[in-house]
C-alpha cells in the first residue's frame, strides 16, 4: 500500500492535513488523536 501512497503529491496532501490537524489540536488543547475528524475535513475542504 505504501508503494501506491508514497508519491510526492500525496506527501504534500498529507503534510497539509497534518498541519491542519495540529492547529486544531492546539486550539482545543487536544491530543492529535482526539481532533474532530468532521472539523478537520471541513477545514481541509
ModelCIF file with pLDDT and N, C-alpha, C, O atoms, coordinates in Angstrom:
data_MODEL
#
_entry.id   MODEL 
#
_entity.id                         1 
_entity.type                       polymer 
_entity.pdbx_number_of_molecules   1 
#
_entity_poly.entity_id                      1 
_entity_poly.type                           'polypeptide(L)' 
_entity_poly.nstd_linkage                   no 
_entity_poly.nstd_monomer                   no 
_entity_poly.pdbx_seq_one_letter_code       
;(UNK)(UNK)(UNK)(UNK)(UNK)(UNK)(UNK)(UNK)(UNK)(UNK)(UNK)(UNK)(UNK)(UNK)(UNK)(UNK)
(UNK)(UNK)(UNK)(UNK)(UNK)(UNK)(UNK)(UNK)(UNK)(UNK)(UNK)(UNK)(UNK)(UNK)(UNK)(UNK)
(UNK)(UNK)(UNK)(UNK)(UNK)(UNK)(UNK)(UNK)(UNK)(UNK)(UNK)(UNK)(UNK)
;
_entity_poly.pdbx_seq_one_letter_code_can   XXXXXXXXXXXXXXXXXXXXXXXXXXXXXXXXXXXXXXXXXXXXX 
_entity_poly.pdbx_strand_id                 A 
#
loop_
_entity_poly_seq.entity_id 
_entity_poly_seq.num 
_entity_poly_seq.mon_id 
_entity_poly_seq.hetero 
1 1  UNK n 
1 2  UNK n 
1 3  UNK n 
1 4  UNK n 
1 5  UNK n 
1 6  UNK n 
1 7  UNK n 
1 8  UNK n 
1 9  UNK n 
1 10 UNK n 
1 11 UNK n 
1 12 UNK n 
1 13 UNK n 
1 14 UNK n 
1 15 UNK n 
1 16 UNK n 
1 17 UNK n 
1 18 UNK n 
1 19 UNK n 
1 20 UNK n 
1 21 UNK n 
1 22 UNK n 
1 23 UNK n 
1 24 UNK n 
1 25 UNK n 
1 26 UNK n 
1 27 UNK n 
1 28 UNK n 
1 29 UNK n 
1 30 UNK n 
1 31 UNK n 
1 32 UNK n 
1 33 UNK n 
1 34 UNK n 
1 35 UNK n 
1 36 UNK n 
1 37 UNK n 
1 38 UNK n 
1 39 UNK n 
1 40 UNK n 
1 41 UNK n 
1 42 UNK n 
1 43 UNK n 
1 44 UNK n 
1 45 UNK n 
#
_struct_asym.id          A 
_struct_asym.entity_id   1 
#
loop_
_ma_qa_metric.id 
_ma_qa_metric.mode 
_ma_qa_metric.name 
_ma_qa_metric.software_group_id 
_ma_qa_metric.type 
1 global pLDDT . pLDDT 
2 local  pLDDT . pLDDT 
#
_ma_qa_metric_global.metric_id      1 
_ma_qa_metric_global.metric_value   97.11 
_ma_qa_metric_global.model_id       1 
_ma_qa_metric_global.ordinal_id     1 
#
loop_
_ma_qa_metric_local.label_asym_id 
_ma_qa_metric_local.label_comp_id 
_ma_qa_metric_local.label_seq_id 
_ma_qa_metric_local.metric_id 
_ma_qa_metric_local.metric_value 
_ma_qa_metric_local.model_id 
_ma_qa_metric_local.ordinal_id 
A UNK 1  2 98.00 1 1  
A UNK 2  2 98.00 1 2  
A UNK 3  2 97.00 1 3  
A UNK 4  2 97.00 1 4  
A UNK 5  2 98.00 1 5  
A UNK 6  2 97.00 1 6  
A UNK 7  2 97.00 1 7  
A UNK 8  2 98.00 1 8  
A UNK 9  2 98.00 1 9  
A UNK 10 2 98.00 1 10 
A UNK 11 2 98.00 1 11 
A UNK 12 2 98.00 1 12 
A UNK 13 2 98.00 1 13 
A UNK 14 2 98.00 1 14 
A UNK 15 2 98.00 1 15 
A UNK 16 2 98.00 1 16 
A UNK 17 2 98.00 1 17 
A UNK 18 2 98.00 1 18 
A UNK 19 2 98.00 1 19 
A UNK 20 2 98.00 1 20 
A UNK 21 2 98.00 1 21 
A UNK 22 2 98.00 1 22 
A UNK 23 2 98.00 1 23 
A UNK 24 2 98.00 1 24 
A UNK 25 2 98.00 1 25 
A UNK 26 2 98.00 1 26 
A UNK 27 2 98.00 1 27 
A UNK 28 2 97.00 1 28 
A UNK 29 2 97.00 1 29 
A UNK 30 2 98.00 1 30 
A UNK 31 2 98.00 1 31 
A UNK 32 2 98.00 1 32 
A UNK 33 2 98.00 1 33 
A UNK 34 2 98.00 1 34 
A UNK 35 2 98.00 1 35 
A UNK 36 2 96.00 1 36 
A UNK 37 2 96.00 1 37 
A UNK 38 2 94.00 1 38 
A UNK 39 2 96.00 1 39 
A UNK 40 2 96.00 1 40 
A UNK 41 2 95.00 1 41 
A UNK 42 2 93.00 1 42 
A UNK 43 2 94.00 1 43 
A UNK 44 2 94.00 1 44 
A UNK 45 2 92.00 1 45 
#
loop_
_atom_site.group_PDB 
_atom_site.id 
_atom_site.type_symbol 
_atom_site.label_atom_id 
_atom_site.label_alt_id 
_atom_site.label_comp_id 
_atom_site.label_asym_id 
_atom_site.label_entity_id 
_atom_site.label_seq_id 
_atom_site.pdbx_PDB_ins_code 
_atom_site.Cartn_x 
_atom_site.Cartn_y 
_atom_site.Cartn_z 
_atom_site.occupancy 
_atom_site.B_iso_or_equiv 
_atom_site.pdbx_formal_charge 
_atom_site.auth_seq_id 
_atom_site.auth_comp_id 
_atom_site.auth_asym_id 
_atom_site.auth_atom_id 
_atom_site.pdbx_PDB_model_num 
ATOM 1   N N  . UNK A 1 1  ? 0.833   -1.203 0.000  1.00 98.00 ? 1  UNK A N  1 
ATOM 2   C CA . UNK A 1 1  ? 0.000   0.000  0.000  1.00 98.00 ? 1  UNK A CA 1 
ATOM 3   C C  . UNK A 1 1  ? 0.865   1.249  0.000  1.00 98.00 ? 1  UNK A C  1 
ATOM 4   O O  . UNK A 1 1  ? 0.547   2.235  -0.665 1.00 98.00 ? 1  UNK A O  1 
ATOM 5   N N  . UNK A 1 2  ? 1.961   1.204  0.749  1.00 98.00 ? 2  UNK A N  1 
ATOM 6   C CA . UNK A 1 2  ? 2.881   2.343  0.754  1.00 98.00 ? 2  UNK A CA 1 
ATOM 7   C C  . UNK A 1 2  ? 3.441   2.588  -0.639 1.00 98.00 ? 2  UNK A C  1 
ATOM 8   O O  . UNK A 1 2  ? 3.727   3.727  -1.005 1.00 98.00 ? 2  UNK A O  1 
ATOM 9   N N  . UNK A 1 3  ? 3.596   1.521  -1.415 1.00 97.00 ? 3  UNK A N  1 
ATOM 10  C CA . UNK A 1 3  ? 4.072   1.666  -2.776 1.00 97.00 ? 3  UNK A CA 1 
ATOM 11  C C  . UNK A 1 3  ? 3.172   2.511  -3.637 1.00 97.00 ? 3  UNK A C  1 
ATOM 12  O O  . UNK A 1 3  ? 3.633   3.107  -4.611 1.00 97.00 ? 3  UNK A O  1 
ATOM 13  N N  . UNK A 1 4  ? 1.900   2.580  -3.305 1.00 97.00 ? 4  UNK A N  1 
ATOM 14  C CA . UNK A 1 4  ? 0.960   3.445  -4.028 1.00 97.00 ? 4  UNK A CA 1 
ATOM 15  C C  . UNK A 1 4  ? 0.903   4.843  -3.432 1.00 97.00 ? 4  UNK A C  1 
ATOM 16  O O  . UNK A 1 4  ? 0.804   5.831  -4.159 1.00 97.00 ? 4  UNK A O  1 
ATOM 17  N N  . UNK A 1 5  ? 0.968   4.925  -2.099 1.00 98.00 ? 5  UNK A N  1 
ATOM 18  C CA . UNK A 1 5  ? 0.784   6.206  -1.413 1.00 98.00 ? 5  UNK A CA 1 
ATOM 19  C C  . UNK A 1 5  ? 2.027   7.089  -1.513 1.00 98.00 ? 5  UNK A C  1 
ATOM 20  O O  . UNK A 1 5  ? 1.907   8.313  -1.462 1.00 98.00 ? 5  UNK A O  1 
ATOM 21  N N  . UNK A 1 6  ? 3.210   6.503  -1.655 1.00 97.00 ? 6  UNK A N  1 
ATOM 22  C CA . UNK A 1 6  ? 4.489   7.187  -1.449 1.00 97.00 ? 6  UNK A CA 1 
ATOM 23  C C  . UNK A 1 6  ? 4.863   8.150  -2.582 1.00 97.00 ? 6  UNK A C  1 
ATOM 24  O O  . UNK A 1 6  ? 6.009   8.147  -3.033 1.00 97.00 ? 6  UNK A O  1 
ATOM 25  N N  . UNK A 1 7  ? 3.946   8.949  -3.035 1.00 97.00 ? 7  UNK A N  1 
ATOM 26  C CA . UNK A 1 7  ? 4.211   9.870  -4.132 1.00 97.00 ? 7  UNK A CA 1 
ATOM 27  C C  . UNK A 1 7  ? 4.263   11.310 -3.614 1.00 97.00 ? 7  UNK A C  1 
ATOM 28  O O  . UNK A 1 7  ? 3.570   11.658 -2.658 1.00 97.00 ? 7  UNK A O  1 
ATOM 29  N N  . UNK A 1 8  ? 5.078   12.130 -4.243 1.00 98.00 ? 8  UNK A N  1 
ATOM 30  C CA . UNK A 1 8  ? 5.293   13.487 -3.767 1.00 98.00 ? 8  UNK A CA 1 
ATOM 31  C C  . UNK A 1 8  ? 4.001   14.294 -3.627 1.00 98.00 ? 8  UNK A C  1 
ATOM 32  O O  . UNK A 1 8  ? 3.852   14.990 -2.623 1.00 98.00 ? 8  UNK A O  1 
ATOM 33  N N  . UNK A 1 9  ? 3.050   14.242 -4.582 1.00 98.00 ? 9  UNK A N  1 
ATOM 34  C CA . UNK A 1 9  ? 1.802   14.998 -4.368 1.00 98.00 ? 9  UNK A CA 1 
ATOM 35  C C  . UNK A 1 9  ? 1.062   14.548 -3.112 1.00 98.00 ? 9  UNK A C  1 
ATOM 36  O O  . UNK A 1 9  ? 0.494   15.373 -2.396 1.00 98.00 ? 9  UNK A O  1 
ATOM 37  N N  . UNK A 1 10 ? 1.067   13.235 -2.840 1.00 98.00 ? 10 UNK A N  1 
ATOM 38  C CA . UNK A 1 10 ? 0.354   12.721 -1.666 1.00 98.00 ? 10 UNK A CA 1 
ATOM 39  C C  . UNK A 1 10 ? 1.054   13.164 -0.393 1.00 98.00 ? 10 UNK A C  1 
ATOM 40  O O  . UNK A 1 10 ? 0.393   13.487 0.594  1.00 98.00 ? 10 UNK A O  1 
ATOM 41  N N  . UNK A 1 11 ? 2.389   13.184 -0.398 1.00 98.00 ? 11 UNK A N  1 
ATOM 42  C CA . UNK A 1 11 ? 3.101   13.679 0.775  1.00 98.00 ? 11 UNK A CA 1 
ATOM 43  C C  . UNK A 1 11 ? 2.722   15.133 1.066  1.00 98.00 ? 11 UNK A C  1 
ATOM 44  O O  . UNK A 1 11 ? 2.582   15.509 2.229  1.00 98.00 ? 11 UNK A O  1 
ATOM 45  N N  . UNK A 1 12 ? 2.555   15.947 0.034  1.00 98.00 ? 12 UNK A N  1 
ATOM 46  C CA . UNK A 1 12 ? 2.121   17.333 0.247  1.00 98.00 ? 12 UNK A CA 1 
ATOM 47  C C  . UNK A 1 12 ? 0.689   17.387 0.764  1.00 98.00 ? 12 UNK A C  1 
ATOM 48  O O  . UNK A 1 12 ? 0.377   18.171 1.661  1.00 98.00 ? 12 UNK A O  1 
ATOM 49  N N  . UNK A 1 13 ? -0.175  16.557 0.200  1.00 98.00 ? 13 UNK A N  1 
ATOM 50  C CA . UNK A 1 13 ? -1.567  16.488 0.657  1.00 98.00 ? 13 UNK A CA 1 
ATOM 51  C C  . UNK A 1 13 ? -1.621  16.132 2.136  1.00 98.00 ? 13 UNK A C  1 
ATOM 52  O O  . UNK A 1 13 ? -2.339  16.768 2.908  1.00 98.00 ? 13 UNK A O  1 
ATOM 53  N N  . UNK A 1 14 ? -0.862  15.116 2.526  1.00 98.00 ? 14 UNK A N  1 
ATOM 54  C CA . UNK A 1 14 ? -0.883  14.667 3.921  1.00 98.00 ? 14 UNK A CA 1 
ATOM 55  C C  . UNK A 1 14 ? -0.149  15.640 4.839  1.00 98.00 ? 14 UNK A C  1 
ATOM 56  O O  . UNK A 1 14 ? -0.493  15.760 6.014  1.00 98.00 ? 14 UNK A O  1 
ATOM 57  N N  . UNK A 1 15 ? 0.866   16.343 4.308  1.00 98.00 ? 15 UNK A N  1 
ATOM 58  C CA . UNK A 1 15 ? 1.518   17.382 5.096  1.00 98.00 ? 15 UNK A CA 1 
ATOM 59  C C  . UNK A 1 15 ? 0.566   18.504 5.445  1.00 98.00 ? 15 UNK A C  1 
ATOM 60  O O  . UNK A 1 15 ? 0.566   18.997 6.573  1.00 98.00 ? 15 UNK A O  1 
ATOM 61  N N  . UNK A 1 16 ? -0.252  18.913 4.474  1.00 98.00 ? 16 UNK A N  1 
ATOM 62  C CA . UNK A 1 16 ? -1.266  19.931 4.743  1.00 98.00 ? 16 UNK A CA 1 
ATOM 63  C C  . UNK A 1 16 ? -2.259  19.434 5.784  1.00 98.00 ? 16 UNK A C  1 
ATOM 64  O O  . UNK A 1 16 ? -2.632  20.177 6.692  1.00 98.00 ? 16 UNK A O  1 
ATOM 65  N N  . UNK A 1 17 ? -2.690  18.180 5.658  1.00 98.00 ? 17 UNK A N  1 
ATOM 66  C CA . UNK A 1 17 ? -3.641  17.619 6.618  1.00 98.00 ? 17 UNK A CA 1 
ATOM 67  C C  . UNK A 1 17 ? -3.038  17.551 8.017  1.00 98.00 ? 17 UNK A C  1 
ATOM 68  O O  . UNK A 1 17 ? -3.715  17.834 9.006  1.00 98.00 ? 17 UNK A O  1 
ATOM 69  N N  . UNK A 1 18 ? -1.760  17.173 8.097  1.00 98.00 ? 18 UNK A N  1 
ATOM 70  C CA . UNK A 1 18 ? -1.105  17.069 9.398  1.00 98.00 ? 18 UNK A CA 1 
ATOM 71  C C  . UNK A 1 18 ? -1.058  18.417 10.102 1.00 98.00 ? 18 UNK A C  1 
ATOM 72  O O  . UNK A 1 18 ? -1.359  18.505 11.292 1.00 98.00 ? 18 UNK A O  1 
ATOM 73  N N  . UNK A 1 19 ? -0.683  19.469 9.378  1.00 98.00 ? 19 UNK A N  1 
ATOM 74  C CA . UNK A 1 19 ? -0.602  20.793 9.990  1.00 98.00 ? 19 UNK A CA 1 
ATOM 75  C C  . UNK A 1 19 ? -1.976  21.310 10.384 1.00 98.00 ? 19 UNK A C  1 
ATOM 76  O O  . UNK A 1 19 ? -2.127  21.944 11.429 1.00 98.00 ? 19 UNK A O  1 
ATOM 77  N N  . UNK A 1 20 ? -2.970  21.045 9.560  1.00 98.00 ? 20 UNK A N  1 
ATOM 78  C CA . UNK A 1 20 ? -4.330  21.487 9.887  1.00 98.00 ? 20 UNK A CA 1 
ATOM 79  C C  . UNK A 1 20 ? -4.814  20.799 11.160 1.00 98.00 ? 20 UNK A C  1 
ATOM 80  O O  . UNK A 1 20 ? -5.427  21.429 12.021 1.00 98.00 ? 20 UNK A O  1 
ATOM 81  N N  . UNK A 1 21 ? -4.534  19.501 11.272 1.00 98.00 ? 21 UNK A N  1 
ATOM 82  C CA . UNK A 1 21 ? -4.905  18.779 12.493 1.00 98.00 ? 21 UNK A CA 1 
ATOM 83  C C  . UNK A 1 21 ? -4.125  19.305 13.690 1.00 98.00 ? 21 UNK A C  1 
ATOM 84  O O  . UNK A 1 21 ? -4.677  19.420 14.784 1.00 98.00 ? 21 UNK A O  1 
ATOM 85  N N  . UNK A 1 22 ? -2.852  19.625 13.498 1.00 98.00 ? 22 UNK A N  1 
ATOM 86  C CA . UNK A 1 22 ? -2.040  20.164 14.592 1.00 98.00 ? 22 UNK A CA 1 
ATOM 87  C C  . UNK A 1 22 ? -2.596  21.481 15.093 1.00 98.00 ? 22 UNK A C  1 
ATOM 88  O O  . UNK A 1 22 ? -2.626  21.730 16.298 1.00 98.00 ? 22 UNK A O  1 
ATOM 89  N N  . UNK A 1 23 ? -3.036  22.327 14.170 1.00 98.00 ? 23 UNK A N  1 
ATOM 90  C CA . UNK A 1 23 ? -3.617  23.611 14.559 1.00 98.00 ? 23 UNK A CA 1 
ATOM 91  C C  . UNK A 1 23 ? -4.895  23.418 15.366 1.00 98.00 ? 23 UNK A C  1 
ATOM 92  O O  . UNK A 1 23 ? -5.107  24.097 16.371 1.00 98.00 ? 23 UNK A O  1 
ATOM 93  N N  . UNK A 1 24 ? -5.750  22.490 14.927 1.00 98.00 ? 24 UNK A N  1 
ATOM 94  C CA . UNK A 1 24 ? -6.985  22.209 15.667 1.00 98.00 ? 24 UNK A CA 1 
ATOM 95  C C  . UNK A 1 24 ? -6.678  21.619 17.039 1.00 98.00 ? 24 UNK A C  1 
ATOM 96  O O  . UNK A 1 24 ? -7.360  21.928 18.016 1.00 98.00 ? 24 UNK A O  1 
ATOM 97  N N  . UNK A 1 25 ? -5.663  20.778 17.115 1.00 98.00 ? 25 UNK A N  1 
ATOM 98  C CA . UNK A 1 25 ? -5.293  20.190 18.405 1.00 98.00 ? 25 UNK A CA 1 
ATOM 99  C C  . UNK A 1 25 ? -4.806  21.261 19.373 1.00 98.00 ? 25 UNK A C  1 
ATOM 100 O O  . UNK A 1 25 ? -5.139  21.232 20.558 1.00 98.00 ? 25 UNK A O  1 
ATOM 101 N N  . UNK A 1 26 ? -4.019  22.206 18.866 1.00 98.00 ? 26 UNK A N  1 
ATOM 102 C CA . UNK A 1 26 ? -3.550  23.299 19.718 1.00 98.00 ? 26 UNK A CA 1 
ATOM 103 C C  . UNK A 1 26 ? -4.710  24.162 20.188 1.00 98.00 ? 26 UNK A C  1 
ATOM 104 O O  . UNK A 1 26 ? -4.766  24.565 21.350 1.00 98.00 ? 26 UNK A O  1 
ATOM 105 N N  . UNK A 1 27 ? -5.635  24.443 19.278 1.00 98.00 ? 27 UNK A N  1 
ATOM 106 C CA . UNK A 1 27 ? -6.774  25.304 19.624 1.00 98.00 ? 27 UNK A CA 1 
ATOM 107 C C  . UNK A 1 27 ? -7.633  24.680 20.716 1.00 98.00 ? 27 UNK A C  1 
ATOM 108 O O  . UNK A 1 27 ? -8.176  25.385 21.567 1.00 98.00 ? 27 UNK A O  1 
ATOM 109 N N  . UNK A 1 28 ? -7.753  23.355 20.689 1.00 97.00 ? 28 UNK A N  1 
ATOM 110 C CA . UNK A 1 28 ? -8.595  22.683 21.669 1.00 97.00 ? 28 UNK A CA 1 
ATOM 111 C C  . UNK A 1 28 ? -7.841  22.040 22.802 1.00 97.00 ? 28 UNK A C  1 
ATOM 112 O O  . UNK A 1 28 ? -8.435  21.363 23.641 1.00 97.00 ? 28 UNK A O  1 
ATOM 113 N N  . UNK A 1 29 ? -6.517  22.245 22.841 1.00 97.00 ? 29 UNK A N  1 
ATOM 114 C CA . UNK A 1 29 ? -5.670  21.601 23.854 1.00 97.00 ? 29 UNK A CA 1 
ATOM 115 C C  . UNK A 1 29 ? -5.917  20.098 23.856 1.00 97.00 ? 29 UNK A C  1 
ATOM 116 O O  . UNK A 1 29 ? -6.153  19.490 24.900 1.00 97.00 ? 29 UNK A O  1 
ATOM 117 N N  . UNK A 1 30 ? -5.855  19.513 22.659 1.00 98.00 ? 30 UNK A N  1 
ATOM 118 C CA . UNK A 1 30 ? -6.204  18.114 22.471 1.00 98.00 ? 30 UNK A CA 1 
ATOM 119 C C  . UNK A 1 30 ? -4.995  17.300 22.035 1.00 98.00 ? 30 UNK A C  1 
ATOM 120 O O  . UNK A 1 30 ? -4.020  17.835 21.508 1.00 98.00 ? 30 UNK A O  1 
ATOM 121 N N  . UNK A 1 31 ? -5.081  16.006 22.264 1.00 98.00 ? 31 UNK A N  1 
ATOM 122 C CA . UNK A 1 31 ? -4.175  15.084 21.581 1.00 98.00 ? 31 UNK A CA 1 
ATOM 123 C C  . UNK A 1 31 ? -4.561  15.047 20.110 1.00 98.00 ? 31 UNK A C  1 
ATOM 124 O O  . UNK A 1 31 ? -5.729  15.237 19.770 1.00 98.00 ? 31 UNK A O  1 
ATOM 125 N N  . UNK A 1 32 ? -3.592  14.804 19.235 1.00 98.00 ? 32 UNK A N  1 
ATOM 126 C CA . UNK A 1 32 ? -3.932  14.773 17.806 1.00 98.00 ? 32 UNK A CA 1 
ATOM 127 C C  . UNK A 1 32 ? -4.933  13.664 17.507 1.00 98.00 ? 32 UNK A C  1 
ATOM 128 O O  . UNK A 1 32 ? -5.698  13.761 16.548 1.00 98.00 ? 32 UNK A O  1 
ATOM 129 N N  . UNK A 1 33 ? -4.934  12.614 18.320 1.00 98.00 ? 33 UNK A N  1 
ATOM 130 C CA . UNK A 1 33 ? -5.881  11.520 18.112 1.00 98.00 ? 33 UNK A CA 1 
ATOM 131 C C  . UNK A 1 33 ? -7.310  11.926 18.462 1.00 98.00 ? 33 UNK A C  1 
ATOM 132 O O  . UNK A 1 33 ? -8.261  11.269 18.038 1.00 98.00 ? 33 UNK A O  1 
ATOM 133 N N  . UNK A 1 34 ? -7.471  13.010 19.237 1.00 98.00 ? 34 UNK A N  1 
ATOM 134 C CA . UNK A 1 34 ? -8.806  13.438 19.679 1.00 98.00 ? 34 UNK A CA 1 
ATOM 135 C C  . UNK A 1 34 ? -9.379  14.559 18.819 1.00 98.00 ? 34 UNK A C  1 
ATOM 136 O O  . UNK A 1 34 ? -10.479 15.039 19.092 1.00 98.00 ? 34 UNK A O  1 
ATOM 137 N N  . UNK A 1 35 ? -8.663  14.979 17.797 1.00 98.00 ? 35 UNK A N  1 
ATOM 138 C CA . UNK A 1 35 ? -9.159  16.041 16.918 1.00 98.00 ? 35 UNK A CA 1 
ATOM 139 C C  . UNK A 1 35 ? -10.445 15.576 16.241 1.00 98.00 ? 35 UNK A C  1 
ATOM 140 O O  . UNK A 1 35 ? -10.548 14.427 15.812 1.00 98.00 ? 35 UNK A O  1 
ATOM 141 N N  . UNK A 1 36 ? -11.417 16.472 16.149 1.00 96.00 ? 36 UNK A N  1 
ATOM 142 C CA . UNK A 1 36 ? -12.675 16.155 15.478 1.00 96.00 ? 36 UNK A CA 1 
ATOM 143 C C  . UNK A 1 36 ? -12.419 15.966 13.987 1.00 96.00 ? 36 UNK A C  1 
ATOM 144 O O  . UNK A 1 36 ? -12.005 16.899 13.299 1.00 96.00 ? 36 UNK A O  1 
ATOM 145 N N  . UNK A 1 37 ? -12.667 14.759 13.495 1.00 96.00 ? 37 UNK A N  1 
ATOM 146 C CA . UNK A 1 37 ? -12.439 14.492 12.075 1.00 96.00 ? 37 UNK A CA 1 
ATOM 147 C C  . UNK A 1 37 ? -13.368 15.329 11.200 1.00 96.00 ? 37 UNK A C  1 
ATOM 148 O O  . UNK A 1 37 ? -12.900 15.876 10.202 1.00 96.00 ? 37 UNK A O  1 
ATOM 149 N N  . UNK A 1 38 ? -14.667 15.461 11.519 1.00 94.00 ? 38 UNK A N  1 
ATOM 150 C CA . UNK A 1 38 ? -15.505 16.344 10.694 1.00 94.00 ? 38 UNK A CA 1 
ATOM 151 C C  . UNK A 1 38 ? -14.988 17.777 10.643 1.00 94.00 ? 38 UNK A C  1 
ATOM 152 O O  . UNK A 1 38 ? -15.024 18.409 9.587  1.00 94.00 ? 38 UNK A O  1 
ATOM 153 N N  . UNK A 1 39 ? -14.506 18.296 11.773 1.00 96.00 ? 39 UNK A N  1 
ATOM 154 C CA . UNK A 1 39 ? -13.962 19.657 11.770 1.00 96.00 ? 39 UNK A CA 1 
ATOM 155 C C  . UNK A 1 39 ? -12.696 19.732 10.924 1.00 96.00 ? 39 UNK A C  1 
ATOM 156 O O  . UNK A 1 39 ? -12.488 20.696 10.186 1.00 96.00 ? 39 UNK A O  1 
ATOM 157 N N  . UNK A 1 40 ? -11.859 18.714 11.037 1.00 96.00 ? 40 UNK A N  1 
ATOM 158 C CA . UNK A 1 40 ? -10.636 18.661 10.235 1.00 96.00 ? 40 UNK A CA 1 
ATOM 159 C C  . UNK A 1 40 ? -10.978 18.600 8.749  1.00 96.00 ? 40 UNK A C  1 
ATOM 160 O O  . UNK A 1 40 ? -10.401 19.334 7.946  1.00 96.00 ? 40 UNK A O  1 
ATOM 161 N N  . UNK A 1 41 ? -11.900 17.739 8.388  1.00 95.00 ? 41 UNK A N  1 
ATOM 162 C CA . UNK A 1 41 ? -12.278 17.608 6.978  1.00 95.00 ? 41 UNK A CA 1 
ATOM 163 C C  . UNK A 1 41 ? -12.909 18.891 6.448  1.00 95.00 ? 41 UNK A C  1 
ATOM 164 O O  . UNK A 1 41 ? -12.668 19.278 5.305  1.00 95.00 ? 41 UNK A O  1 
ATOM 165 N N  . UNK A 1 42 ? -13.711 19.546 7.270  1.00 93.00 ? 42 UNK A N  1 
ATOM 166 C CA . UNK A 1 42 ? -14.331 20.797 6.836  1.00 93.00 ? 42 UNK A CA 1 
ATOM 167 C C  . UNK A 1 42 ? -13.287 21.851 6.523  1.00 93.00 ? 42 UNK A C  1 
ATOM 168 O O  . UNK A 1 42 ? -13.391 22.560 5.523  1.00 93.00 ? 42 UNK A O  1 
ATOM 169 N N  . UNK A 1 43 ? -12.278 21.954 7.381  1.00 94.00 ? 43 UNK A N  1 
ATOM 170 C CA . UNK A 1 43 ? -11.232 22.952 7.139  1.00 94.00 ? 43 UNK A CA 1 
ATOM 171 C C  . UNK A 1 43 ? -10.397 22.586 5.906  1.00 94.00 ? 43 UNK A C  1 
ATOM 172 O O  . UNK A 1 43 ? -10.016 23.459 5.126  1.00 94.00 ? 43 UNK A O  1 
ATOM 173 N N  . UNK A 1 44 ? -10.121 21.311 5.742  1.00 94.00 ? 44 UNK A N  1 
ATOM 174 C CA . UNK A 1 44 ? -9.363  20.882 4.572  1.00 94.00 ? 44 UNK A CA 1 
ATOM 175 C C  . UNK A 1 44 ? -10.127 21.181 3.286  1.00 94.00 ? 44 UNK A C  1 
ATOM 176 O O  . UNK A 1 44 ? -9.546  21.657 2.311  1.00 94.00 ? 44 UNK A O  1 
ATOM 177 N N  . UNK A 1 45 ? -11.424 20.901 3.285  1.00 92.00 ? 45 UNK A N  1 
ATOM 178 C CA . UNK A 1 45 ? -12.218 21.226 2.093  1.00 92.00 ? 45 UNK A CA 1 
ATOM 179 C C  . UNK A 1 45 ? -12.220 22.729 1.837  1.00 92.00 ? 45 UNK A C  1 
ATOM 180 O O  . UNK A 1 45 ? -12.835 23.191 0.876  1.00 92.00 ? 45 UNK A O  1 
#
